[in-house]
C-alpha atoms as a PDB file:
ATOM      1  CA  UNK A   1       2.000 -22.970  54.695  1.00  0.00           C
ATOM      2  CA  UNK A   2      -0.892 -23.720  57.052  1.00  0.00           C
ATOM      3  CA  UNK A   3      -3.872 -25.085  55.003  1.00  0.00           C
ATOM      4  CA  UNK A   4      -6.184 -22.571  56.553  1.00  0.00           C
ATOM      5  CA  UNK A   5      -4.003 -19.581  55.656  1.00  0.00           C
ATOM      6  CA  UNK A   6      -3.273 -20.748  52.021  1.00  0.00           C
ATOM      7  CA  UNK A   7      -6.682 -19.765  50.624  1.00  0.00           C
ATOM      8  CA  UNK A   8      -6.423 -16.423  52.213  1.00  0.00           C
ATOM      9  CA  UNK A   9      -2.923 -15.859  50.787  1.00  0.00           C
ATOM     10  CA  UNK A  10      -3.948 -17.071  47.227  1.00  0.00           C
ATOM     11  CA  UNK A  11      -7.028 -14.692  47.399  1.00  0.00           C
ATOM     12  CA  UNK A  12      -4.709 -11.720  48.694  1.00  0.00           C
ATOM     13  CA  UNK A  13      -2.228 -12.562  45.788  1.00  0.00           C
ATOM     14  CA  UNK A  14      -5.200 -12.608  43.288  1.00  0.00           C
ATOM     15  CA  UNK A  15      -6.543  -9.200  44.438  1.00  0.00           C
ATOM     16  CA  UNK A  16      -3.042  -7.657  44.303  1.00  0.00           C
ATOM     17  CA  UNK A  17      -2.423  -8.931  40.754  1.00  0.00           C
ATOM     18  CA  UNK A  18      -5.931  -7.484  39.815  1.00  0.00           C
ATOM     19  CA  UNK A  19      -5.032  -4.060  41.425  1.00  0.00           C
ATOM     20  CA  UNK A  20      -1.385  -4.050  40.323  1.00  0.00           C
ATOM     21  CA  UNK A  21      -0.961  -6.297  37.178  1.00  0.00           C
ATOM     22  CA  UNK A  22       2.317  -6.987  35.601  1.00  0.00           C
ATOM     23  CA  UNK A  23       3.155  -4.246  33.153  1.00  0.00           C
ATOM     24  CA  UNK A  24       5.604  -3.861  30.190  1.00  0.00           C
ATOM     25  CA  UNK A  25       8.914  -2.241  31.513  1.00  0.00           C
ATOM     26  CA  UNK A  26       8.975  -0.195  28.325  1.00  0.00           C
ATOM     27  CA  UNK A  27       5.472   1.501  28.064  1.00  0.00           C
ATOM     28  CA  UNK A  28       3.507   0.194  31.146  1.00  0.00           C
ATOM     29  CA  UNK A  29       1.016  -1.935  29.104  1.00  0.00           C
ATOM     30  CA  UNK A  30      -0.441  -4.821  31.130  1.00  0.00           C
ATOM     31  CA  UNK A  31       1.415  -8.048  30.327  1.00  0.00           C
ATOM     32  CA  UNK A  32       1.081 -11.733  31.342  1.00  0.00           C
ATOM     33  CA  UNK A  33       3.969 -11.710  33.700  1.00  0.00           C
ATOM     34  CA  UNK A  34       6.438  -9.388  35.578  1.00  0.00           C
ATOM     35  CA  UNK A  35       9.471  -8.402  33.567  1.00  0.00           C
ATOM     36  CA  UNK A  36       8.115  -9.294  30.381  1.00  0.00           C
ATOM     37  CA  UNK A  37       7.725  -6.728  27.468  1.00  0.00           C
ATOM     38  CA  UNK A  38       4.583  -6.196  25.462  1.00  0.00           C
ATOM     39  CA  UNK A  39       4.944  -6.964  21.793  1.00  0.00           C
ATOM     40  CA  UNK A  40       5.308  -3.275  20.746  1.00  0.00           C
ATOM     41  CA  UNK A  41       8.245  -2.676  22.962  1.00  0.00           C
ATOM     42  CA  UNK A  42       9.756  -6.035  22.194  1.00  0.00           C
ATOM     43  CA  UNK A  43       9.745  -5.353  18.600  1.00  0.00           C
ATOM     44  CA  UNK A  44      11.410  -1.901  19.284  1.00  0.00           C
ATOM     45  CA  UNK A  45      14.391  -3.512  21.160  1.00  0.00           C
ATOM     46  CA  UNK A  46      17.499  -3.995  18.943  1.00  0.00           C
ATOM     47  CA  UNK A  47      19.021  -7.057  20.257  1.00  0.00           C
ATOM     48  CA  UNK A  48      22.741  -7.334  19.789  1.00  0.00           C
ATOM     49  CA  UNK A  49      24.950 -10.332  19.080  1.00  0.00           C
ATOM     50  CA  UNK A  50      27.279 -11.755  16.278  1.00  0.00           C
ATOM     51  CA  UNK A  51      28.705 -10.440  14.229  1.00  0.00           C
ATOM     52  CA  UNK A  52      30.406  -7.831  16.341  1.00  0.00           C
ATOM     53  CA  UNK A  53      33.671  -6.665  17.554  1.00  0.00           C
ATOM     54  CA  UNK A  54      34.922  -8.898  20.518  1.00  0.00           C
ATOM     55  CA  UNK A  55      36.454  -5.892  22.272  1.00  0.00           C
ATOM     56  CA  UNK A  56      33.732  -3.495  22.179  1.00  0.00           C
ATOM     57  CA  UNK A  57      30.546  -5.183  20.836  1.00  0.00           C
ATOM     58  CA  UNK A  58      30.321  -2.804  17.837  1.00  0.00           C
ATOM     59  CA  UNK A  59      28.107  -4.592  15.231  1.00  0.00           C
ATOM     60  CA  UNK A  60      29.674  -5.602  11.982  1.00  0.00           C
ATOM     61  CA  UNK A  61      27.564  -5.335   8.717  1.00  0.00           C
ATOM     62  CA  UNK A  62      29.612  -8.295   7.356  1.00  0.00           C
ATOM     63  CA  UNK A  63      30.691 -11.207   9.487  1.00  0.00           C
ATOM     64  CA  UNK A  64      34.651 -11.221   9.467  1.00  0.00           C
ATOM     65  CA  UNK A  65      34.634 -14.361  11.622  1.00  0.00           C
ATOM     66  CA  UNK A  66      35.073 -15.169  15.361  1.00  0.00           C
ATOM     67  CA  UNK A  67      37.312 -12.984  17.390  1.00  0.00           C
ATOM     68  CA  UNK A  68      37.342 -10.102  14.982  1.00  0.00           C
ATOM     69  CA  UNK A  69      38.082  -6.549  16.244  1.00  0.00           C
ATOM     70  CA  UNK A  70      36.836  -3.292  14.780  1.00  0.00           C
ATOM     71  CA  UNK A  71      39.250  -0.554  13.483  1.00  0.00           C
ATOM     72  CA  UNK A  72      38.924   1.526  16.692  1.00  0.00           C
ATOM     73  CA  UNK A  73      40.037  -1.425  19.012  1.00  0.00           C
ATOM     74  CA  UNK A  74      42.765  -2.495  16.556  1.00  0.00           C
ATOM     75  CA  UNK A  75      44.091   1.093  16.764  1.00  0.00           C
ATOM     76  CA  UNK A  76      43.783   1.599  20.393  1.00  0.00           C
ATOM     77  CA  UNK A  77      43.491  -1.843  22.061  1.00  0.00           C
ATOM     78  CA  UNK A  78      41.004  -1.537  25.120  1.00  0.00           C
ATOM     79  CA  UNK A  79      41.771  -2.899  28.623  1.00  0.00           C
ATOM     80  CA  UNK A  80      38.674  -4.812  28.343  1.00  0.00           C
ATOM     81  CA  UNK A  81      38.931  -8.453  26.954  1.00  0.00           C
ATOM     82  CA  UNK A  82      35.445  -8.449  25.687  1.00  0.00           C
ATOM     83  CA  UNK A  83      32.218  -6.720  25.732  1.00  0.00           C
ATOM     84  CA  UNK A  84      28.725  -8.270  25.419  1.00  0.00           C
ATOM     85  CA  UNK A  85      25.450  -6.031  25.468  1.00  0.00           C
ATOM     86  CA  UNK A  86      21.971  -7.144  25.360  1.00  0.00           C
ATOM     87  CA  UNK A  87      20.465  -4.426  23.282  1.00  0.00           C
ATOM     88  CA  UNK A  88      21.502  -1.296  21.185  1.00  0.00           C
ATOM     89  CA  UNK A  89      20.705   1.912  23.100  1.00  0.00           C
ATOM     90  CA  UNK A  90      17.549   3.090  21.663  1.00  0.00           C
ATOM     91  CA  UNK A  91      14.340   4.690  23.000  1.00  0.00           C
ATOM     92  CA  UNK A  92      12.981   1.633  24.935  1.00  0.00           C
ATOM     93  CA  UNK A  93      16.437   0.839  26.181  1.00  0.00           C
ATOM     94  CA  UNK A  94      17.029   4.336  27.287  1.00  0.00           C
ATOM     95  CA  UNK A  95      13.742   4.377  29.119  1.00  0.00           C
ATOM     96  CA  UNK A  96      14.731   1.239  31.048  1.00  0.00           C
ATOM     97  CA  UNK A  97      17.970   2.744  32.035  1.00  0.00           C
ATOM     98  CA  UNK A  98      16.488   6.066  32.962  1.00  0.00           C
ATOM     99  CA  UNK A  99      13.752   4.537  35.145  1.00  0.00           C
ATOM    100  CA  UNK A 100      16.212   2.259  37.030  1.00  0.00           C
ATOM    101  CA  UNK A 101      18.836   5.001  37.462  1.00  0.00           C
ATOM    102  CA  UNK A 102      16.727   8.191  38.185  1.00  0.00           C
ATOM    103  CA  UNK A 103      13.171   6.846  38.447  1.00  0.00           C
ATOM    104  CA  UNK A 104      13.708   4.857  41.581  1.00  0.00           C
ATOM    105  CA  UNK A 105      12.682   1.645  39.929  1.00  0.00           C
ATOM    106  CA  UNK A 106      15.025  -0.996  41.350  1.00  0.00           C
ATOM    107  CA  UNK A 107      12.845  -3.890  40.044  1.00  0.00           C
ATOM    108  CA  UNK A 108      14.062  -3.105  36.615  1.00  0.00           C
ATOM    109  CA  UNK A 109      17.408  -4.619  37.620  1.00  0.00           C
ATOM    110  CA  UNK A 110      15.860  -7.894  37.492  1.00  0.00           C
ATOM    111  CA  UNK A 111      14.398  -7.029  34.091  1.00  0.00           C
ATOM    112  CA  UNK A 112      17.707  -6.284  32.850  1.00  0.00           C
ATOM    113  CA  UNK A 113      19.207  -9.372  34.538  1.00  0.00           C
ATOM    114  CA  UNK A 114      16.929 -11.743  32.732  1.00  0.00           C
ATOM    115  CA  UNK A 115      18.171 -10.303  29.377  1.00  0.00           C
ATOM    116  CA  UNK A 116      21.948 -10.539  30.392  1.00  0.00           C
ATOM    117  CA  UNK A 117      21.460 -14.154  31.510  1.00  0.00           C
ATOM    118  CA  UNK A 118      22.045 -15.584  27.921  1.00  0.00           C
ATOM    119  CA  UNK A 119      25.162 -13.472  27.510  1.00  0.00           C
ATOM    120  CA  UNK A 120      27.121 -14.686  30.708  1.00  0.00           C
ATOM    121  CA  UNK A 121      30.439 -16.215  29.591  1.00  0.00           C
ATOM    122  CA  UNK A 122      30.909 -19.862  29.984  1.00  0.00           C
ATOM    123  CA  UNK A 123      33.961 -19.617  32.312  1.00  0.00           C
ATOM    124  CA  UNK A 124      32.915 -21.318  35.653  1.00  0.00           C
ATOM    125  CA  UNK A 125      35.236 -19.116  37.978  1.00  0.00           C
ATOM    126  CA  UNK A 126      34.379 -15.779  37.054  1.00  0.00           C
ATOM    127  CA  UNK A 127      33.918 -13.207  39.879  1.00  0.00           C
ATOM    128  CA  UNK A 128      31.261 -10.519  39.191  1.00  0.00           C
ATOM    129  CA  UNK A 129      31.657  -6.889  39.997  1.00  0.00           C
ATOM    130  CA  UNK A 130      29.722  -3.845  39.364  1.00  0.00           C
ATOM    131  CA  UNK A 131      31.167  -0.523  37.958  1.00  0.00           C
ATOM    132  CA  UNK A 132      31.224   1.472  41.193  1.00  0.00           C
ATOM    133  CA  UNK A 133      29.822   4.960  41.903  1.00  0.00           C
ATOM    134  CA  UNK A 134      31.568   7.600  44.188  1.00  0.00           C
ATOM    135  CA  UNK A 135      30.011   7.469  47.551  1.00  0.00           C
ATOM    136  CA  UNK A 136      28.709  10.926  47.299  1.00  0.00           C
ATOM    137  CA  UNK A 137      26.647   9.832  44.327  1.00  0.00           C
ATOM    138  CA  UNK A 138      25.399   6.699  46.103  1.00  0.00           C
ATOM    139  CA  UNK A 139      24.221   8.740  48.934  1.00  0.00           C
ATOM    140  CA  UNK A 140      22.416  11.288  46.902  1.00  0.00           C
ATOM    141  CA  UNK A 141      20.769   8.547  44.648  1.00  0.00           C
ATOM    142  CA  UNK A 142      20.483   5.778  47.288  1.00  0.00           C
ATOM    143  CA  UNK A 143      21.912   2.927  45.329  1.00  0.00           C
ATOM    144  CA  UNK A 144      24.266   1.984  42.490  1.00  0.00           C
ATOM    145  CA  UNK A 145      22.182   0.600  39.586  1.00  0.00           C
ATOM    146  CA  UNK A 146      24.986  -1.514  38.327  1.00  0.00           C
ATOM    147  CA  UNK A 147      25.316  -3.187  41.678  1.00  0.00           C
ATOM    148  CA  UNK A 148      21.580  -3.877  41.522  1.00  0.00           C
ATOM    149  CA  UNK A 149      21.856  -5.562  38.121  1.00  0.00           C
ATOM    150  CA  UNK A 150      24.890  -7.581  39.361  1.00  0.00           C
ATOM    151  CA  UNK A 151      23.135  -8.719  42.418  1.00  0.00           C
ATOM    152  CA  UNK A 152      20.023  -9.828  40.422  1.00  0.00           C
ATOM    153  CA  UNK A 153      22.137 -11.672  37.688  1.00  0.00           C
ATOM    154  CA  UNK A 154      24.182 -13.452  40.472  1.00  0.00           C
ATOM    155  CA  UNK A 155      21.073 -14.743  42.129  1.00  0.00           C
ATOM    156  CA  UNK A 156      19.949 -16.142  38.845  1.00  0.00           C
ATOM    157  CA  UNK A 157      23.267 -17.696  38.018  1.00  0.00           C
ATOM    158  CA  UNK A 158      24.716 -18.589  41.283  1.00  0.00           C
ATOM    159  CA  UNK A 159      27.841 -16.610  40.557  1.00  0.00           C
ATOM    160  CA  UNK A 160      30.044 -15.116  43.267  1.00  0.00           C
ATOM    161  CA  UNK A 161      29.570 -11.364  43.697  1.00  0.00           C
ATOM    162  CA  UNK A 162      32.246  -8.897  45.010  1.00  0.00           C
ATOM    163  CA  UNK A 163      30.003  -5.753  45.145  1.00  0.00           C
ATOM    164  CA  UNK A 164      32.938  -3.557  46.649  1.00  0.00           C
ATOM    165  CA  UNK A 165      35.770  -5.000  44.555  1.00  0.00           C
ATOM    166  CA  UNK A 166      36.487  -1.613  42.882  1.00  0.00           C
ATOM    167  CA  UNK A 167      36.299   1.819  44.413  1.00  0.00           C
ATOM    168  CA  UNK A 168      36.002   5.136  42.720  1.00  0.00           C
ATOM    169  CA  UNK A 169      38.739   7.004  44.388  1.00  0.00           C
ATOM    170  CA  UNK A 170      37.854  10.467  43.423  1.00  0.00           C
ATOM    171  CA  UNK A 171      34.670  12.244  42.177  1.00  0.00           C
ATOM    172  CA  UNK A 172      34.483  12.589  38.424  1.00  0.00           C
ATOM    173  CA  UNK A 173      32.635  15.044  36.407  1.00  0.00           C
ATOM    174  CA  UNK A 174      29.368  14.052  34.715  1.00  0.00           C
ATOM    175  CA  UNK A 175      30.320  12.464  31.326  1.00  0.00           C
ATOM    176  CA  UNK A 176      27.153  13.397  29.692  1.00  0.00           C
ATOM    177  CA  UNK A 177      27.914  15.634  26.643  1.00  0.00           C
ATOM    178  CA  UNK A 178      31.600  14.740  26.537  1.00  0.00           C
ATOM    179  CA  UNK A 179      33.419  13.148  23.585  1.00  0.00           C
ATOM    180  CA  UNK A 180      35.385   9.933  23.876  1.00  0.00           C
ATOM    181  CA  UNK A 181      38.807  11.565  24.518  1.00  0.00           C
ATOM    182  CA  UNK A 182      37.166  13.814  27.279  1.00  0.00           C
ATOM    183  CA  UNK A 183      35.406  10.942  28.722  1.00  0.00           C
ATOM    184  CA  UNK A 184      38.672   8.874  28.948  1.00  0.00           C
ATOM    185  CA  UNK A 185      40.578  11.723  30.430  1.00  0.00           C
ATOM    186  CA  UNK A 186      37.967  12.430  33.111  1.00  0.00           C
ATOM    187  CA  UNK A 187      38.028   8.788  34.515  1.00  0.00           C
ATOM    188  CA  UNK A 188      41.622   7.996  34.079  1.00  0.00           C
ATOM    189  CA  UNK A 189      43.111   6.734  37.400  1.00  0.00           C
ATOM    190  CA  UNK A 190      39.810   7.276  39.101  1.00  0.00           C
ATOM    191  CA  UNK A 191      39.410   3.524  40.054  1.00  0.00           C
ATOM    192  CA  UNK A 192      41.286   1.074  42.278  1.00  0.00           C
ATOM    193  CA  UNK A 193      40.921  -2.333  43.803  1.00  0.00           C
ATOM    194  CA  UNK A 194      39.939  -2.203  47.406  1.00  0.00           C
ATOM    195  CA  UNK A 195      42.664  -3.491  49.659  1.00  0.00           C
ATOM    196  CA  UNK A 196      40.827  -6.434  51.171  1.00  0.00           C
ATOM    197  CA  UNK A 197      40.345  -7.911  47.780  1.00  0.00           C
ATOM    198  CA  UNK A 198      43.804  -7.582  46.240  1.00  0.00           C
ATOM    199  CA  UNK A 199      45.165 -10.994  47.283  1.00  0.00           C
ATOM    200  CA  UNK A 200      42.064 -12.847  46.084  1.00  0.00           C
ATOM    201  CA  UNK A 201      42.021 -10.934  42.718  1.00  0.00           C
ATOM    202  CA  UNK A 202      45.213 -12.325  41.468  1.00  0.00           C
ATOM    203  CA  UNK A 203      44.790 -14.532  38.353  1.00  0.00           C
ATOM    204  CA  UNK A 204      40.904 -14.203  38.466  1.00  0.00           C
ATOM    205  CA  UNK A 205      38.557 -13.545  35.582  1.00  0.00           C
ATOM    206  CA  UNK A 206      36.239 -10.696  36.231  1.00  0.00           C
ATOM    207  CA  UNK A 207      32.845 -10.260  34.908  1.00  0.00           C
ATOM    208  CA  UNK A 208      32.187  -6.501  35.052  1.00  0.00           C
ATOM    209  CA  UNK A 209      28.530  -5.164  35.148  1.00  0.00           C
ATOM    210  CA  UNK A 210      27.293  -1.861  33.894  1.00  0.00           C
ATOM    211  CA  UNK A 211      24.127  -0.421  32.604  1.00  0.00           C
ATOM    212  CA  UNK A 212      24.934   1.407  29.496  1.00  0.00           C
ATOM    213  CA  UNK A 213      28.155   1.377  27.387  1.00  0.00           C
ATOM    214  CA  UNK A 214      28.603   4.640  25.604  1.00  0.00           C
ATOM    215  CA  UNK A 215      32.312   5.116  24.637  1.00  0.00           C
ATOM    216  CA  UNK A 216      33.712   2.471  27.119  1.00  0.00           C
ATOM    217  CA  UNK A 217      35.744   5.096  29.058  1.00  0.00           C
ATOM    218  CA  UNK A 218      34.569   4.124  32.456  1.00  0.00           C
ATOM    219  CA  UNK A 219      34.539   0.421  31.833  1.00  0.00           C
ATOM    220  CA  UNK A 220      38.069   0.428  30.574  1.00  0.00           C
ATOM    221  CA  UNK A 221      39.303   2.599  33.418  1.00  0.00           C
ATOM    222  CA  UNK A 222      37.856  -0.038  35.785  1.00  0.00           C
ATOM    223  CA  UNK A 223      39.474  -2.878  33.621  1.00  0.00           C
ATOM    224  CA  UNK A 224      42.784  -1.229  33.820  1.00  0.00           C
ATOM    225  CA  UNK A 225      42.601  -0.839  37.591  1.00  0.00           C
ATOM    226  CA  UNK A 226      41.628  -4.592  37.893  1.00  0.00           C
ATOM    227  CA  UNK A 227      44.569  -5.685  35.824  1.00  0.00           C
ATOM    228  CA  UNK A 228      46.946  -3.503  37.682  1.00  0.00           C
ATOM    229  CA  UNK A 229      45.528  -5.402  40.632  1.00  0.00           C
ATOM    230  CA  UNK A 230      46.437  -8.831  39.249  1.00  0.00           C
ATOM    231  CA  UNK A 231      43.105  -9.858  37.312  1.00  0.00           C
ATOM    232  CA  UNK A 232      43.875 -12.171  34.584  1.00  0.00           C
ATOM    233  CA  UNK A 233      40.909 -11.118  32.318  1.00  0.00           C
ATOM    234  CA  UNK A 234      38.068  -8.564  32.545  1.00  0.00           C
ATOM    235  CA  UNK A 235      34.917  -9.043  30.519  1.00  0.00           C
ATOM    236  CA  UNK A 236      31.933  -6.464  30.372  1.00  0.00           C
ATOM    237  CA  UNK A 237      28.317  -7.314  30.368  1.00  0.00           C
ATOM    238  CA  UNK A 238      25.774  -4.305  29.974  1.00  0.00           C
ATOM    239  CA  UNK A 239      22.251  -3.743  29.229  1.00  0.00           C
ATOM    240  CA  UNK A 240      22.569  -1.488  26.246  1.00  0.00           C
ATOM    241  CA  UNK A 241      25.484  -0.252  23.962  1.00  0.00           C
ATOM    242  CA  UNK A 242      25.548   2.897  22.022  1.00  0.00           C
ATOM    243  CA  UNK A 243      26.295   2.011  18.468  1.00  0.00           C
ATOM    244  CA  UNK A 244      28.495   4.220  16.552  1.00  0.00           C
ATOM    245  CA  UNK A 245      26.940   6.346  13.905  1.00  0.00           C
ATOM    246  CA  UNK A 246      23.616   6.784  15.740  1.00  0.00           C
ATOM    247  CA  UNK A 247      22.490   9.844  17.548  1.00  0.00           C
ATOM    248  CA  UNK A 248      20.779   8.705  20.772  1.00  0.00           C
ATOM    249  CA  UNK A 249      19.610  10.922  23.512  1.00  0.00           C
ATOM    250  CA  UNK A 250      22.378  10.399  26.063  1.00  0.00           C
ATOM    251  CA  UNK A 251      20.705  12.026  29.156  1.00  0.00           C
ATOM    252  CA  UNK A 252      22.041   9.326  31.442  1.00  0.00           C
END
């Protein structure tokens, strides 16, 4: 930068920071840096990790050892090979998801990507793909929130991104308020691998990105489509996971 311009740029940046200081994504309190939660919001986030079901990330009260699966996944094995979620779906996690999806706050995709960074599997050849929206929903909303998160994560990790790997072949009803069986029925057969990617997909490990895991119906339908197309493994990474036995406000 030209030396005569640098002081002006620094002064402009300082004025902007004063007028629009960084704020906590959860409550709007002023923070030291962008994408950083204030202490009150941070303590209200329930971060997930072991011990949990390898197939759906449902937390275990007692550690059964690595690779364990919950009763539901043993009874009905999911198409997903694993699920990792940053936080349990609660009030702060919900606000972040709502503001990103419906509040037109695309910058929150970077906030989420920073929390997902620690959960990225170690496999070096994973191809990243977002859970898709139907084109009519993208046109009405203007973007796919899962694609925004995937892009932000790939920028951070240098991972390959195939944003159009999966397509939603038909419109599906809103899943809000539906039970697990109804959700699974609504999305069954609604996804397919786009033709240009079919050859490159064979034998690949896929890292699927979504915002919220509720019953897993949508993610598992995507995983089933990817495996029909030749993917070797499909792993899901998401911002929040609804924990069984809780009664969250599922208005997303």
